């Protein structure tokens, strides 16, 4: 029995889970959901109602980082887990302070007490920490991506999309090239394919899609 992955295409948490699963080459049954119309099958498995949710033969995993770790613990052909210790610190900073500022910047009406421009500045200050090194190399810790890249870059994509003109006007060519490299990769194209909303009687959608997925060289 294949694991079942409930996912939403544009969610940065679900995106990074799909990235790890694709890298590991583990086949799952992908069930694309609409967040405004969550299927009861997903809510029964994970009542908190957020994506991604991975159902295996023995567990329900409903945190995206845990799904990444689950996939890469089984198979890590791209050596994503081979990164310096500060990679975990970077992930924690993006998941914590950066994401908090991003939410208050992107969803200003939900946080009337927050100043969106001030919150954007907080998030930008965190990104600036990595710009200098990314001017010298393609990925956070060298010539290839690691878990630190794939666990955080989907949130940077979300940040950039709030006001792309502002993002592109900033003096952080390392950050901009890092994000562009990811967005231009075959791997990003592969994990962002569009699927119809899942219905219980549908023929299962298998992800990744075997020979149609690009290999390790998918990161250009």
C-alpha atoms as a PDB file:
ATOM      1  CA  UNK A   1       0.000   0.000   0.000  1.00  0.00           C
ATOM      2  CA  UNK A   2       1.360   3.406  -0.985  1.00  0.00           C
ATOM      3  CA  UNK A   3       1.338   6.216   1.579  1.00  0.00           C
ATOM      4  CA  UNK A   4      -1.349   8.851   0.968  1.00  0.00           C
ATOM      5  CA  UNK A   5      -0.357  12.513   0.788  1.00  0.00           C
ATOM      6  CA  UNK A   6      -2.987  15.217   1.149  1.00  0.00           C
ATOM      7  CA  UNK A   7      -1.542  18.327  -0.435  1.00  0.00           C
ATOM      8  CA  UNK A   8      -2.381  21.783  -1.758  1.00  0.00           C
ATOM      9  CA  UNK A   9      -0.299  22.871  -4.721  1.00  0.00           C
ATOM     10  CA  UNK A  10       0.620  26.414  -3.639  1.00  0.00           C
ATOM     11  CA  UNK A  11       1.075  25.852   0.090  1.00  0.00           C
ATOM     12  CA  UNK A  12       4.777  26.311   0.949  1.00  0.00           C
ATOM     13  CA  UNK A  13       4.563  23.609   3.613  1.00  0.00           C
ATOM     14  CA  UNK A  14       3.064  21.113   1.166  1.00  0.00           C
ATOM     15  CA  UNK A  15       5.566  22.162  -1.501  1.00  0.00           C
ATOM     16  CA  UNK A  16       8.560  21.348   0.646  1.00  0.00           C
ATOM     17  CA  UNK A  17       7.058  17.995   1.610  1.00  0.00           C
ATOM     18  CA  UNK A  18       6.671  17.162  -2.088  1.00  0.00           C
ATOM     19  CA  UNK A  19      10.257  18.245  -2.722  1.00  0.00           C
ATOM     20  CA  UNK A  20      11.582  15.774  -0.166  1.00  0.00           C
ATOM     21  CA  UNK A  21       9.336  12.957  -1.374  1.00  0.00           C
ATOM     22  CA  UNK A  22      10.412  13.612  -4.967  1.00  0.00           C
ATOM     23  CA  UNK A  23      14.070  13.631  -3.973  1.00  0.00           C
ATOM     24  CA  UNK A  24      13.657  10.364  -2.047  1.00  0.00           C
ATOM     25  CA  UNK A  25      11.827   8.797  -5.006  1.00  0.00           C
ATOM     26  CA  UNK A  26       9.111   7.398  -2.758  1.00  0.00           C
ATOM     27  CA  UNK A  27       5.793   6.892  -4.512  1.00  0.00           C
ATOM     28  CA  UNK A  28       2.727   8.240  -2.728  1.00  0.00           C
ATOM     29  CA  UNK A  29      -0.900   8.636  -3.674  1.00  0.00           C
ATOM     30  CA  UNK A  30      -1.308  12.381  -4.002  1.00  0.00           C
ATOM     31  CA  UNK A  31      -4.665  13.855  -3.087  1.00  0.00           C
ATOM     32  CA  UNK A  32      -4.966  17.514  -4.061  1.00  0.00           C
ATOM     33  CA  UNK A  33      -7.394  19.380  -1.802  1.00  0.00           C
ATOM     34  CA  UNK A  34      -9.002  22.793  -1.652  1.00  0.00           C
ATOM     35  CA  UNK A  35      -8.405  24.441   1.710  1.00  0.00           C
ATOM     36  CA  UNK A  36     -11.894  25.938   1.671  1.00  0.00           C
ATOM     37  CA  UNK A  37     -13.422  22.499   1.097  1.00  0.00           C
ATOM     38  CA  UNK A  38     -11.323  19.983   2.996  1.00  0.00           C
ATOM     39  CA  UNK A  39     -12.316  16.338   2.539  1.00  0.00           C
ATOM     40  CA  UNK A  40     -13.662  14.515   5.563  1.00  0.00           C
ATOM     41  CA  UNK A  41     -11.160  11.721   4.974  1.00  0.00           C
ATOM     42  CA  UNK A  42      -8.310  14.168   5.608  1.00  0.00           C
ATOM     43  CA  UNK A  43      -9.970  15.733   8.645  1.00  0.00           C
ATOM     44  CA  UNK A  44     -10.597  12.324  10.135  1.00  0.00           C
ATOM     45  CA  UNK A  45      -6.904  11.502   9.830  1.00  0.00           C
ATOM     46  CA  UNK A  46      -5.728  14.942  11.021  1.00  0.00           C
ATOM     47  CA  UNK A  47      -8.398  17.065  12.728  1.00  0.00           C
ATOM     48  CA  UNK A  48      -6.253  20.204  12.708  1.00  0.00           C
ATOM     49  CA  UNK A  49      -7.082  20.495   9.010  1.00  0.00           C
ATOM     50  CA  UNK A  50      -3.787  21.751   7.589  1.00  0.00           C
ATOM     51  CA  UNK A  51      -1.711  20.374   4.742  1.00  0.00           C
ATOM     52  CA  UNK A  52       0.352  18.397   4.133  1.00  0.00           C
ATOM     53  CA  UNK A  53      -0.877  15.204   5.751  1.00  0.00           C
ATOM     54  CA  UNK A  54       0.900  11.918   5.065  1.00  0.00           C
ATOM     55  CA  UNK A  55      -0.792   8.642   5.974  1.00  0.00           C
ATOM     56  CA  UNK A  56       1.467   5.600   6.095  1.00  0.00           C
ATOM     57  CA  UNK A  57       0.668   2.045   7.119  1.00  0.00           C
ATOM     58  CA  UNK A  58       1.544   2.859  10.716  1.00  0.00           C
ATOM     59  CA  UNK A  59       1.367   6.642  11.210  1.00  0.00           C
ATOM     60  CA  UNK A  60      -0.289   9.926  10.354  1.00  0.00           C
ATOM     61  CA  UNK A  61       2.334  12.638   9.859  1.00  0.00           C
ATOM     62  CA  UNK A  62       0.853  16.119   9.672  1.00  0.00           C
ATOM     63  CA  UNK A  63       3.901  18.381   9.981  1.00  0.00           C
ATOM     64  CA  UNK A  64       5.756  19.154   6.765  1.00  0.00           C
ATOM     65  CA  UNK A  65       9.223  19.016   8.297  1.00  0.00           C
ATOM     66  CA  UNK A  66       8.414  15.617   9.801  1.00  0.00           C
ATOM     67  CA  UNK A  67       7.320  14.418   6.360  1.00  0.00           C
ATOM     68  CA  UNK A  68      10.617  15.629   4.890  1.00  0.00           C
ATOM     69  CA  UNK A  69      12.553  13.801   7.586  1.00  0.00           C
ATOM     70  CA  UNK A  70      10.446  10.655   7.086  1.00  0.00           C
ATOM     71  CA  UNK A  71      11.138  10.606   3.354  1.00  0.00           C
ATOM     72  CA  UNK A  72      14.850  11.333   3.560  1.00  0.00           C
ATOM     73  CA  UNK A  73      15.392   8.837   6.379  1.00  0.00           C
ATOM     74  CA  UNK A  74      14.244   6.137   3.948  1.00  0.00           C
ATOM     75  CA  UNK A  75      16.215   7.331   0.933  1.00  0.00           C
ATOM     76  CA  UNK A  76      18.451  10.350   0.447  1.00  0.00           C
ATOM     77  CA  UNK A  77      20.102   9.905  -2.965  1.00  0.00           C
ATOM     78  CA  UNK A  78      20.890  13.618  -3.270  1.00  0.00           C
ATOM     79  CA  UNK A  79      22.473  13.744   0.201  1.00  0.00           C
ATOM     80  CA  UNK A  80      20.167  16.550   1.276  1.00  0.00           C
ATOM     81  CA  UNK A  81      20.785  15.813   4.944  1.00  0.00           C
ATOM     82  CA  UNK A  82      24.523  16.302   4.476  1.00  0.00           C
ATOM     83  CA  UNK A  83      24.762  19.914   5.611  1.00  0.00           C
ATOM     84  CA  UNK A  84      26.592  21.856   8.312  1.00  0.00           C
ATOM     85  CA  UNK A  85      25.029  22.223  11.758  1.00  0.00           C
ATOM     86  CA  UNK A  86      24.037  25.808  11.045  1.00  0.00           C
ATOM     87  CA  UNK A  87      21.617  24.488   8.446  1.00  0.00           C
ATOM     88  CA  UNK A  88      19.218  23.557  11.236  1.00  0.00           C
ATOM     89  CA  UNK A  89      19.594  27.040  12.706  1.00  0.00           C
ATOM     90  CA  UNK A  90      18.685  28.576   9.336  1.00  0.00           C
ATOM     91  CA  UNK A  91      15.634  26.334   9.034  1.00  0.00           C
ATOM     92  CA  UNK A  92      14.492  27.294  12.544  1.00  0.00           C
ATOM     93  CA  UNK A  93      14.895  30.996  11.771  1.00  0.00           C
ATOM     94  CA  UNK A  94      12.861  30.755   8.571  1.00  0.00           C
ATOM     95  CA  UNK A  95      10.160  28.590  10.170  1.00  0.00           C
ATOM     96  CA  UNK A  96       9.970  30.879  13.192  1.00  0.00           C
ATOM     97  CA  UNK A  97      10.722  34.637  13.036  1.00  0.00           C
ATOM     98  CA  UNK A  98      10.741  34.859   9.232  1.00  0.00           C
ATOM     99  CA  UNK A  99       7.405  33.059   8.763  1.00  0.00           C
ATOM    100  CA  UNK A 100       5.810  35.091  11.560  1.00  0.00           C
ATOM    101  CA  UNK A 101       6.873  38.328   9.848  1.00  0.00           C
ATOM    102  CA  UNK A 102       5.865  37.000   6.429  1.00  0.00           C
ATOM    103  CA  UNK A 103       2.344  36.209   7.632  1.00  0.00           C
ATOM    104  CA  UNK A 104       1.935  39.709   9.086  1.00  0.00           C
ATOM    105  CA  UNK A 105       3.234  41.216   5.861  1.00  0.00           C
ATOM    106  CA  UNK A 106       1.189  39.077   3.470  1.00  0.00           C
ATOM    107  CA  UNK A 107      -2.016  38.826   5.509  1.00  0.00           C
ATOM    108  CA  UNK A 108      -2.154  42.288   7.011  1.00  0.00           C
ATOM    109  CA  UNK A 109      -5.906  42.226   7.602  1.00  0.00           C
ATOM    110  CA  UNK A 110      -5.509  39.230   9.884  1.00  0.00           C
ATOM    111  CA  UNK A 111      -3.039  41.116  12.063  1.00  0.00           C
ATOM    112  CA  UNK A 112      -4.421  44.647  12.434  1.00  0.00           C
ATOM    113  CA  UNK A 113      -1.973  45.364  15.264  1.00  0.00           C
ATOM    114  CA  UNK A 114       1.028  44.806  12.969  1.00  0.00           C
ATOM    115  CA  UNK A 115       2.611  47.212  10.469  1.00  0.00           C
ATOM    116  CA  UNK A 116       3.073  45.236   7.209  1.00  0.00           C
ATOM    117  CA  UNK A 117       6.027  47.366   6.105  1.00  0.00           C
ATOM    118  CA  UNK A 118       7.766  46.884   9.444  1.00  0.00           C
ATOM    119  CA  UNK A 119       7.126  43.137   9.269  1.00  0.00           C
ATOM    120  CA  UNK A 120       8.505  43.039   5.724  1.00  0.00           C
ATOM    121  CA  UNK A 121      11.642  44.694   7.054  1.00  0.00           C
ATOM    122  CA  UNK A 122      12.022  42.035   9.751  1.00  0.00           C
ATOM    123  CA  UNK A 123      11.783  39.263   7.178  1.00  0.00           C
ATOM    124  CA  UNK A 124      14.161  41.064   4.811  1.00  0.00           C
ATOM    125  CA  UNK A 125      16.763  41.425   7.557  1.00  0.00           C
ATOM    126  CA  UNK A 126      16.773  37.653   8.018  1.00  0.00           C
ATOM    127  CA  UNK A 127      17.253  37.053   4.293  1.00  0.00           C
ATOM    128  CA  UNK A 128      20.104  39.552   4.153  1.00  0.00           C
ATOM    129  CA  UNK A 129      22.043  37.279   6.505  1.00  0.00           C
ATOM    130  CA  UNK A 130      22.430  34.736   3.692  1.00  0.00           C
ATOM    131  CA  UNK A 131      22.927  37.108   0.762  1.00  0.00           C
ATOM    132  CA  UNK A 132      26.686  37.483   0.993  1.00  0.00           C
ATOM    133  CA  UNK A 133      27.361  33.747   0.912  1.00  0.00           C
ATOM    134  CA  UNK A 134      24.830  33.232  -1.883  1.00  0.00           C
ATOM    135  CA  UNK A 135      26.727  35.721  -4.004  1.00  0.00           C
ATOM    136  CA  UNK A 136      29.653  33.290  -3.920  1.00  0.00           C
ATOM    137  CA  UNK A 137      27.840  29.979  -4.366  1.00  0.00           C
ATOM    138  CA  UNK A 138      24.666  28.604  -5.894  1.00  0.00           C
ATOM    139  CA  UNK A 139      23.112  27.179  -2.734  1.00  0.00           C
ATOM    140  CA  UNK A 140      23.291  27.925   0.957  1.00  0.00           C
ATOM    141  CA  UNK A 141      26.211  25.598   1.659  1.00  0.00           C
ATOM    142  CA  UNK A 142      27.826  24.919  -1.661  1.00  0.00           C
ATOM    143  CA  UNK A 143      27.298  23.845  -5.255  1.00  0.00           C
ATOM    144  CA  UNK A 144      24.258  21.657  -4.540  1.00  0.00           C
ATOM    145  CA  UNK A 145      21.059  22.114  -2.538  1.00  0.00           C
ATOM    146  CA  UNK A 146      20.690  20.632   0.923  1.00  0.00           C
ATOM    147  CA  UNK A 147      17.757  20.164   3.266  1.00  0.00           C
ATOM    148  CA  UNK A 148      18.325  23.737   4.471  1.00  0.00           C
ATOM    149  CA  UNK A 149      17.612  25.038   0.963  1.00  0.00           C
ATOM    150  CA  UNK A 150      14.548  22.923   0.244  1.00  0.00           C
ATOM    151  CA  UNK A 151      13.027  23.340   3.717  1.00  0.00           C
ATOM    152  CA  UNK A 152      13.092  27.143   3.457  1.00  0.00           C
ATOM    153  CA  UNK A 153      13.060  28.360  -0.135  1.00  0.00           C
ATOM    154  CA  UNK A 154       9.322  27.793  -0.610  1.00  0.00           C
ATOM    155  CA  UNK A 155       8.699  30.394   2.105  1.00  0.00           C
ATOM    156  CA  UNK A 156      11.081  32.806   0.403  1.00  0.00           C
ATOM    157  CA  UNK A 157       9.094  32.274  -2.793  1.00  0.00           C
ATOM    158  CA  UNK A 158       5.921  33.183  -0.920  1.00  0.00           C
ATOM    159  CA  UNK A 159       7.612  36.298   0.467  1.00  0.00           C
ATOM    160  CA  UNK A 160       8.829  37.391  -2.971  1.00  0.00           C
ATOM    161  CA  UNK A 161       5.374  37.013  -4.494  1.00  0.00           C
ATOM    162  CA  UNK A 162       3.704  39.464  -2.101  1.00  0.00           C
ATOM    163  CA  UNK A 163       5.309  42.393  -3.948  1.00  0.00           C
ATOM    164  CA  UNK A 164       7.586  41.079  -6.680  1.00  0.00           C
ATOM    165  CA  UNK A 165       8.581  44.578  -7.814  1.00  0.00           C
ATOM    166  CA  UNK A 166       9.832  45.473  -4.341  1.00  0.00           C
ATOM    167  CA  UNK A 167      11.631  42.130  -3.981  1.00  0.00           C
ATOM    168  CA  UNK A 168      13.415  42.500  -7.307  1.00  0.00           C
ATOM    169  CA  UNK A 169      14.481  46.070  -6.467  1.00  0.00           C
ATOM    170  CA  UNK A 170      16.369  45.018  -3.329  1.00  0.00           C
ATOM    171  CA  UNK A 171      20.152  44.863  -3.210  1.00  0.00           C
ATOM    172  CA  UNK A 172      20.424  41.148  -2.525  1.00  0.00           C
ATOM    173  CA  UNK A 173      21.566  39.533  -5.777  1.00  0.00           C
ATOM    174  CA  UNK A 174      22.567  36.353  -3.951  1.00  0.00           C
ATOM    175  CA  UNK A 175      19.066  35.802  -2.570  1.00  0.00           C
ATOM    176  CA  UNK A 176      17.467  36.688  -5.896  1.00  0.00           C
ATOM    177  CA  UNK A 177      19.703  34.310  -7.874  1.00  0.00           C
ATOM    178  CA  UNK A 178      19.117  31.533  -5.319  1.00  0.00           C
ATOM    179  CA  UNK A 179      15.364  31.850  -5.647  1.00  0.00           C
ATOM    180  CA  UNK A 180      15.446  32.169  -9.425  1.00  0.00           C
ATOM    181  CA  UNK A 181      17.653  29.096  -9.704  1.00  0.00           C
ATOM    182  CA  UNK A 182      15.073  27.123  -7.775  1.00  0.00           C
ATOM    183  CA  UNK A 183      12.096  28.499  -9.711  1.00  0.00           C
ATOM    184  CA  UNK A 184      13.827  27.752 -13.028  1.00  0.00           C
ATOM    185  CA  UNK A 185      14.647  24.177 -12.064  1.00  0.00           C
ATOM    186  CA  UNK A 186      13.003  21.128 -13.558  1.00  0.00           C
ATOM    187  CA  UNK A 187      12.404  19.873 -10.023  1.00  0.00           C
ATOM    188  CA  UNK A 188      10.240  22.889  -9.186  1.00  0.00           C
ATOM    189  CA  UNK A 189       8.273  22.355 -12.392  1.00  0.00           C
ATOM    190  CA  UNK A 190       7.773  18.700 -11.492  1.00  0.00           C
ATOM    191  CA  UNK A 191       6.394  19.331  -7.995  1.00  0.00           C
ATOM    192  CA  UNK A 192       4.124  22.158  -9.197  1.00  0.00           C
ATOM    193  CA  UNK A 193       2.134  20.217 -11.754  1.00  0.00           C
ATOM    194  CA  UNK A 194      -1.570  20.922 -11.525  1.00  0.00           C
ATOM    195  CA  UNK A 195      -3.943  18.194 -10.390  1.00  0.00           C
ATOM    196  CA  UNK A 196      -7.726  18.284 -10.100  1.00  0.00           C
ATOM    197  CA  UNK A 197      -9.352  18.347  -6.695  1.00  0.00           C
ATOM    198  CA  UNK A 198      -9.324  14.842  -5.234  1.00  0.00           C
ATOM    199  CA  UNK A 199     -12.600  12.953  -5.016  1.00  0.00           C
ATOM    200  CA  UNK A 200     -13.012   9.585  -3.222  1.00  0.00           C
ATOM    201  CA  UNK A 201     -13.843   7.633  -6.380  1.00  0.00           C
ATOM    202  CA  UNK A 202     -10.974   9.049  -8.456  1.00  0.00           C
ATOM    203  CA  UNK A 203      -8.271   6.885  -9.970  1.00  0.00           C
ATOM    204  CA  UNK A 204      -5.227   7.347  -7.697  1.00  0.00           C
ATOM    205  CA  UNK A 205      -2.702   9.994  -8.722  1.00  0.00           C
ATOM    206  CA  UNK A 206       0.831   8.696  -8.182  1.00  0.00           C
ATOM    207  CA  UNK A 207       3.529  11.145  -7.130  1.00  0.00           C
ATOM    208  CA  UNK A 208       6.284  11.393  -8.193  1.00  0.00           C
ATOM    209  CA  UNK A 209       5.245  10.228 -11.610  1.00  0.00           C
ATOM    210  CA  UNK A 210       8.072   7.790 -12.332  1.00  0.00           C
ATOM    211  CA  UNK A 211       9.847   8.300 -15.604  1.00  0.00           C
ATOM    212  CA  UNK A 212       8.282  11.731 -16.032  1.00  0.00           C
ATOM    213  CA  UNK A 213      10.125  13.112 -12.993  1.00  0.00           C
ATOM    214  CA  UNK A 214      13.479  14.727 -13.665  1.00  0.00           C
ATOM    215  CA  UNK A 215      16.510  13.197 -11.930  1.00  0.00           C
ATOM    216  CA  UNK A 216      19.035  14.799  -9.606  1.00  0.00           C
ATOM    217  CA  UNK A 217      20.198  17.055 -12.439  1.00  0.00           C
ATOM    218  CA  UNK A 218      16.781  18.722 -12.279  1.00  0.00           C
ATOM    219  CA  UNK A 219      18.425  21.534 -10.295  1.00  0.00           C
ATOM    220  CA  UNK A 220      20.077  23.740 -12.874  1.00  0.00           C
END
